[in-house]
Amino acid sequence: MMSAARDVAFLCLGVMGFPMAGHLARAGHRVRVYNRTAARAEEFCRVHARLAVAHAPTPAAAVRDAEFVFACTGADPDLEAITLGPGGAFDAMRPGALFVDHTTASAALAQRLHGEARARGLGFLDAPVSGGQIGAEEGRLTIMLGGLEADYARAAPLLDGYARKHARIGPAGHGQYAKMVNQICIAGLVEALAEGLHFAERVGLDAAAVVDVISQGAAASWQMENRASTMLAGRFDFGFAVDWMRKDLGMALDEALRRQIPVPITEAVDARYAEVQRLGGGRLDSSSLMLVLREESRAGCAADGAGLDSAGRVD
């Protein structure tokens, strides 16, 4: 069921925020947007010119009349700037308004912002998302939320506009903890998929045919269904960048270290992503772990005098 039209602000229109804000506008809400690069906000208004949209020069100006404020920015410093910095949202939001933060940020910052919001008579939910740019564009994101149950109940009808699944996991910060779990699981799966596909290539199998079979069994995963073919084709120009994955894994590893939680696979995969960055692939999709394996194979074959055929197999 479509929720009643609300006055909404959306802060930061990156590859995720732009389509998410668009879903809110198409659902009939009155949406005022802010983006650090004003041209992006102006583009949003041109794309949605037939809808009730407008843009503002600062976060404070965007949120002043909003009942709900959504944000999706890059990292902790960006989030602090748009909430607590000069011209930030928190001091301008009207009493009782609710801030829903879709940034993948630290749990510590989420808990701090929750406290800052409550002190100002505001609501706050940490609400990181999973599903990538395609999920945002198609309105099929998964959202993990931390905060008060009453705040979640208020936000839920609007979240329905661009999520296929959303759930409150617990109090403030728990949405971010859940996103850490998500990234830990994804990292291990992508590395395992890359190793499996590379093994298939090196032993001379038709890797695509192998995937077609095993994707119907216990090895099946979202990563296999959506990334195996592009990994085999060497296409890594979409989705979630390695730089962002390392940022997310870094927060998970910091939390694990602080709590003395063993995460050996995550540590190893983070090191693999660091190697992708060393090879110049920081902006490539996180499935580009395949590049490291192929590079290592080439180096090994060069060292022992063997060559590779066009598929990367040993001659």
Protein backbone atom coordinates (compact mmCIF):
# COMPACT_ATOMS: atom_id res chain seq x y z
CA MET A 1 0.00 0.00 0.00
CA MET A 2 1.33 3.43 -0.94
CA SER A 3 1.95 5.69 2.05
CA ALA A 4 0.39 9.16 2.27
CA ALA A 5 2.40 11.94 0.65
CA ARG A 6 5.07 13.33 3.00
CA ASP A 7 7.55 16.19 2.99
CA VAL A 8 10.89 14.44 2.53
CA ALA A 9 14.51 15.49 2.16
CA PHE A 10 17.21 13.33 0.61
CA LEU A 11 20.85 14.22 1.21
CA CYS A 12 23.58 13.05 -1.19
CA LEU A 13 22.74 11.74 -4.64
CA GLY A 14 25.40 9.20 -5.51
CA VAL A 15 24.82 6.01 -7.46
CA MET A 16 22.58 4.79 -4.62
CA GLY A 17 20.97 7.99 -3.38
CA PHE A 18 19.86 9.27 -6.78
CA PRO A 19 17.60 6.30 -7.59
CA MET A 20 16.41 5.92 -3.98
CA ALA A 21 15.28 9.54 -3.90
CA GLY A 22 13.64 8.98 -7.28
CA HIS A 23 11.53 6.15 -5.87
CA LEU A 24 10.32 8.44 -3.08
CA ALA A 25 9.36 11.12 -5.60
CA ARG A 26 7.53 8.65 -7.82
CA ALA A 27 5.64 7.37 -4.78
CA GLY A 28 4.10 10.83 -4.52
CA HIS A 29 6.21 12.36 -1.77
CA ARG A 30 7.39 15.96 -1.92
CA VAL A 31 11.17 15.57 -2.15
CA ARG A 32 13.81 18.27 -1.63
CA VAL A 33 17.35 17.11 -2.37
CA TYR A 34 20.86 18.24 -1.52
CA ASN A 35 24.14 17.17 -3.08
CA ARG A 36 27.63 18.56 -2.50
CA THR A 37 28.01 18.95 -6.26
CA ALA A 38 24.99 21.10 -7.06
CA ALA A 39 24.85 19.97 -10.69
CA ARG A 40 23.86 16.49 -9.54
CA ALA A 41 20.89 17.87 -7.58
CA GLU A 42 19.89 19.99 -10.57
CA GLU A 43 20.06 16.89 -12.77
CA PHE A 44 17.78 15.04 -10.33
CA CYS A 45 15.21 17.82 -10.63
CA ARG A 46 15.40 17.76 -14.43
CA VAL A 47 14.92 13.98 -14.54
CA HIS A 48 11.92 14.22 -12.21
CA ALA A 49 10.61 17.56 -13.46
CA ARG A 50 6.99 16.35 -13.57
CA LEU A 51 7.08 15.42 -9.88
CA ALA A 52 7.11 17.44 -6.66
CA VAL A 53 10.89 17.86 -6.40
CA ALA A 54 13.24 20.72 -5.59
CA HIS A 55 16.88 21.16 -4.60
CA ALA A 56 18.61 23.14 -1.88
CA PRO A 57 22.13 24.57 -1.48
CA THR A 58 22.82 23.10 1.98
CA PRO A 59 21.62 20.17 4.07
CA ALA A 60 20.00 22.64 6.48
CA ALA A 61 17.98 24.26 3.69
CA ALA A 62 16.92 20.87 2.34
CA VAL A 63 15.60 19.50 5.64
CA ARG A 64 13.88 22.53 7.17
CA ASP A 65 10.30 21.51 6.31
CA ALA A 66 10.82 17.76 6.11
CA GLU A 67 9.11 15.16 8.28
CA PHE A 68 11.59 12.54 7.06
CA VAL A 69 15.22 13.08 6.10
CA PHE A 70 17.12 10.36 4.24
CA ALA A 71 20.86 10.31 3.56
CA CYS A 72 23.26 8.03 1.71
CA THR A 73 26.82 9.31 1.67
CA GLY A 74 30.30 7.80 1.53
CA ALA A 75 31.87 7.46 4.96
CA ASP A 76 31.92 8.72 8.55
CA PRO A 77 33.46 12.17 7.82
CA ASP A 78 30.87 12.85 5.08
CA LEU A 79 28.03 11.82 7.37
CA GLU A 80 29.30 13.98 10.21
CA ALA A 81 29.55 16.95 7.85
CA ILE A 82 25.95 16.76 6.62
CA THR A 83 24.48 16.16 10.07
CA LEU A 84 26.59 18.14 12.55
CA GLY A 85 28.81 20.35 10.41
CA PRO A 86 28.20 23.97 9.36
CA GLY A 87 24.90 24.13 7.50
CA GLY A 88 24.20 20.58 8.69
CA ALA A 89 20.83 18.90 9.02
CA PHE A 90 20.43 18.31 12.75
CA ASP A 91 20.19 21.93 13.85
CA ALA A 92 17.68 22.74 11.10
CA MET A 93 15.31 19.77 11.33
CA ARG A 94 11.91 20.45 12.82
CA PRO A 95 11.06 18.83 16.19
CA GLY A 96 9.90 15.25 15.80
CA ALA A 97 11.42 14.78 12.36
CA LEU A 98 13.16 11.47 11.62
CA PHE A 99 16.61 11.06 10.09
CA VAL A 100 17.14 7.76 8.24
CA ASP A 101 20.79 7.18 7.41
CA HIS A 102 21.55 4.72 4.60
CA THR A 103 25.32 5.31 4.75
CA THR A 104 27.51 2.34 5.61
CA ALA A 105 29.22 3.99 8.55
CA SER A 106 30.70 2.95 11.87
CA ALA A 107 28.41 1.70 14.62
CA ALA A 108 30.08 4.16 16.98
CA LEU A 109 29.05 7.11 14.81
CA ALA A 110 25.52 5.73 14.45
CA GLN A 111 25.21 5.55 18.23
CA ARG A 112 26.61 9.06 18.62
CA LEU A 113 24.23 10.51 16.04
CA HIS A 114 21.31 8.72 17.67
CA GLY A 115 22.20 10.46 20.93
CA GLU A 116 22.67 13.83 19.23
CA ALA A 117 19.31 13.46 17.49
CA ARG A 118 17.47 12.51 20.67
CA ALA A 119 18.94 15.52 22.47
CA ARG A 120 17.38 17.73 19.77
CA GLY A 121 13.98 16.02 19.87
CA LEU A 122 14.63 14.12 16.62
CA GLY A 123 14.48 10.47 15.61
CA PHE A 124 17.41 8.62 14.08
CA LEU A 125 17.77 5.23 12.38
CA ASP A 126 21.00 3.74 11.09
CA ALA A 127 19.83 1.93 7.98
CA PRO A 128 22.64 0.64 5.75
CA VAL A 129 21.58 -1.12 2.57
CA SER A 130 22.61 -4.12 0.50
CA GLY A 131 21.82 -4.76 -3.14
CA GLY A 132 24.08 -2.33 -4.97
CA GLN A 133 23.26 0.17 -7.67
CA ILE A 134 21.00 -2.25 -9.53
CA GLY A 135 19.04 -2.95 -6.35
CA ALA A 136 18.61 0.78 -5.78
CA GLU A 137 17.49 1.41 -9.35
CA GLU A 138 15.01 -1.48 -9.32
CA GLY A 139 13.74 -0.80 -5.79
CA ARG A 140 14.94 -4.17 -4.48
CA LEU A 141 17.31 -3.19 -1.68
CA THR A 142 17.70 -4.97 1.63
CA ILE A 143 17.83 -2.60 4.61
CA MET A 144 19.13 -3.42 8.10
CA LEU A 145 18.05 -0.90 10.73
CA GLY A 146 19.09 0.12 14.21
CA GLY A 147 17.13 2.48 16.43
CA LEU A 148 13.83 2.75 18.27
CA GLU A 149 10.96 0.49 17.25
CA ALA A 150 8.60 3.49 17.04
CA ASP A 151 10.93 5.28 14.62
CA TYR A 152 11.19 2.18 12.47
CA ALA A 153 7.41 1.86 12.36
CA ARG A 154 7.18 5.45 11.10
CA ALA A 155 9.79 4.94 8.39
CA ALA A 156 8.68 1.51 7.18
CA PRO A 157 5.99 2.64 4.71
CA LEU A 158 8.48 4.91 2.94
CA LEU A 159 11.19 2.22 2.90
CA ASP A 160 8.74 -0.03 1.07
CA GLY A 161 9.20 2.25 -1.93
CA TYR A 162 12.72 1.03 -2.66
CA ALA A 163 13.30 -2.09 -0.57
CA ARG A 164 12.18 -5.66 -1.02
CA LYS A 165 13.18 -6.43 2.58
CA HIS A 166 13.78 -4.24 5.61
CA ALA A 167 13.93 -5.08 9.29
CA ARG A 168 14.86 -3.48 12.58
CA ILE A 169 17.73 -5.54 14.00
CA GLY A 170 18.03 -3.79 17.36
CA PRO A 171 18.96 -0.48 19.02
CA ALA A 172 21.15 2.25 17.56
CA GLY A 173 24.23 0.90 15.81
CA HIS A 174 22.81 -2.56 15.21
CA GLY A 175 21.98 -1.77 11.59
CA GLN A 176 25.67 -1.05 11.05
CA TYR A 177 26.71 -4.22 12.88
CA ALA A 178 24.36 -6.20 10.61
CA LYS A 179 25.92 -4.57 7.54
CA MET A 180 29.35 -5.69 8.80
CA VAL A 181 28.01 -9.26 8.91
CA ASN A 182 26.72 -8.80 5.36
CA GLN A 183 30.10 -7.62 4.06
CA ILE A 184 32.01 -10.36 5.91
CA CYS A 185 29.80 -12.98 4.26
CA ILE A 186 30.01 -11.40 0.80
CA ALA A 187 33.79 -11.10 0.90
CA GLY A 188 34.26 -14.78 1.66
CA LEU A 189 31.78 -15.82 -1.02
CA VAL A 190 33.36 -13.67 -3.73
CA GLU A 191 36.86 -14.98 -2.98
CA ALA A 192 35.60 -18.58 -2.99
CA LEU A 193 33.75 -18.02 -6.27
CA ALA A 194 36.83 -16.44 -7.86
CA GLU A 195 39.01 -19.34 -6.75
CA GLY A 196 36.51 -21.90 -8.02
CA LEU A 197 36.13 -20.25 -11.42
CA HIS A 198 39.88 -19.81 -11.78
CA PHE A 199 40.47 -23.44 -10.85
CA ALA A 200 37.96 -24.51 -13.50
CA GLU A 201 39.77 -22.46 -16.12
CA ARG A 202 43.21 -23.73 -15.18
CA VAL A 203 42.28 -27.42 -15.30
CA GLY A 204 40.68 -26.96 -18.73
CA LEU A 205 36.99 -27.06 -17.88
CA ASP A 206 34.28 -25.06 -19.60
CA ALA A 207 33.78 -22.86 -16.54
CA ALA A 208 30.44 -21.50 -17.74
CA ALA A 209 29.11 -25.02 -18.15
CA VAL A 210 30.32 -25.91 -14.66
CA VAL A 211 28.53 -22.89 -13.20
CA ASP A 212 25.35 -23.83 -15.05
CA VAL A 213 25.36 -27.18 -13.23
CA ILE A 214 26.57 -26.29 -9.76
CA SER A 215 24.40 -23.17 -9.53
CA GLN A 216 21.46 -25.56 -9.19
CA GLY A 217 22.98 -27.24 -6.15
CA ALA A 218 24.45 -26.41 -2.76
CA ALA A 219 27.09 -24.06 -4.22
CA ALA A 220 24.42 -21.64 -5.45
CA SER A 221 24.58 -18.02 -4.25
CA TRP A 222 23.60 -14.52 -5.34
CA GLN A 223 27.23 -13.92 -6.26
CA MET A 224 27.32 -16.98 -8.50
CA GLU A 225 24.03 -16.10 -10.18
CA ASN A 226 24.90 -12.44 -10.77
CA ARG A 227 28.70 -12.30 -11.04
CA ALA A 228 30.08 -15.61 -12.31
CA SER A 229 29.54 -14.84 -16.01
CA THR A 230 31.01 -11.34 -15.77
CA MET A 231 33.98 -12.58 -13.76
CA LEU A 232 34.72 -15.15 -16.45
CA ALA A 233 34.40 -12.45 -19.11
CA GLY A 234 36.75 -10.12 -17.21
CA ARG A 235 34.07 -7.44 -16.81
CA PHE A 236 34.36 -5.47 -13.59
CA ASP A 237 32.98 -2.05 -14.55
CA PHE A 238 29.79 -2.05 -12.47
CA GLY A 239 28.45 -2.65 -8.99
CA PHE A 240 30.29 -2.06 -5.73
CA ALA A 241 33.84 -0.70 -5.93
CA VAL A 242 36.83 -2.35 -4.26
CA ASP A 243 37.66 0.93 -2.51
CA TRP A 244 34.25 0.92 -0.83
CA MET A 245 34.48 -2.76 0.06
CA ARG A 246 37.81 -2.16 1.78
CA LYS A 247 36.28 0.76 3.68
CA ASP A 248 33.46 -1.50 4.87
CA LEU A 249 35.73 -4.44 5.71
CA GLY A 250 38.05 -2.08 7.57
CA MET A 251 35.22 -1.12 9.93
CA ALA A 252 34.32 -4.78 10.44
CA LEU A 253 37.95 -5.70 11.11
CA ASP A 254 38.35 -2.82 13.56
CA GLU A 255 35.26 -3.96 15.45
CA ALA A 256 36.44 -7.56 15.43
CA LEU A 257 39.84 -6.54 16.78
CA ARG A 258 38.28 -4.39 19.49
CA ARG A 259 36.10 -7.28 20.63
CA GLN A 260 38.72 -9.98 19.98
CA ILE A 261 36.49 -11.82 17.48
CA PRO A 262 38.44 -14.06 15.08
CA VAL A 263 37.70 -13.33 11.40
CA PRO A 264 40.60 -14.99 9.55
CA ILE A 265 38.88 -15.31 6.18
CA THR A 266 37.85 -11.65 6.24
CA GLU A 267 41.42 -10.61 7.03
CA ALA A 268 42.72 -12.70 4.15
CA VAL A 269 40.16 -11.39 1.65
CA ASP A 270 40.83 -7.80 2.71
CA ALA A 271 44.48 -8.42 1.84
CA ARG A 272 43.39 -9.74 -1.56
CA TYR A 273 41.40 -6.56 -2.16
CA ALA A 274 44.47 -4.54 -1.21
CA GLU A 275 46.28 -6.36 -4.01
CA VAL A 276 43.52 -5.39 -6.48
CA GLN A 277 44.09 -1.79 -5.42
CA ARG A 278 47.84 -2.21 -5.95
CA LEU A 279 47.10 -3.38 -9.49
CA GLY A 280 45.09 -0.18 -10.08
CA GLY A 281 41.63 -1.69 -9.63
CA GLY A 282 40.30 0.31 -6.71
CA ARG A 283 37.28 1.52 -8.69
CA LEU A 284 36.51 -1.89 -10.16
CA ASP A 285 33.64 -4.02 -8.89
CA SER A 286 34.32 -6.16 -5.81
CA SER A 287 34.13 -9.29 -7.99
CA SER A 288 37.51 -8.25 -9.45
CA LEU A 289 39.27 -10.59 -6.99
CA MET A 290 39.49 -12.76 -10.10
CA LEU A 291 42.21 -10.41 -11.38
CA VAL A 292 44.54 -11.25 -8.51
CA LEU A 293 44.30 -14.98 -9.19
CA ARG A 294 44.96 -14.52 -12.89
CA GLU A 295 47.89 -12.23 -12.15
CA GLU A 296 49.37 -14.75 -9.73
CA SER A 297 48.98 -17.53 -12.30
CA ARG A 298 50.72 -15.46 -14.95
CA ALA A 299 53.56 -14.66 -12.59
CA GLY A 300 53.92 -18.30 -11.59
CA CYS A 301 53.94 -19.52 -15.15
CA ALA A 302 56.48 -16.89 -16.15
CA ALA A 303 58.71 -17.97 -13.29
CA ASP A 304 58.74 -21.64 -14.31
CA GLY A 305 58.92 -20.96 -18.04
CA ALA A 306 55.43 -22.14 -18.88
CA GLY A 307 53.04 -20.11 -21.00
CA LEU A 308 49.32 -19.41 -20.89
CA ASP A 309 46.85 -19.98 -23.66
CA SER A 310 44.16 -17.42 -24.48
CA ALA A 311 41.94 -18.68 -21.64
CA GLY A 312 44.68 -18.33 -19.04
CA ARG A 313 45.42 -22.05 -18.82
CA VAL A 314 48.92 -23.47 -18.68
CA ASP A 315 50.12 -24.58 -22.12
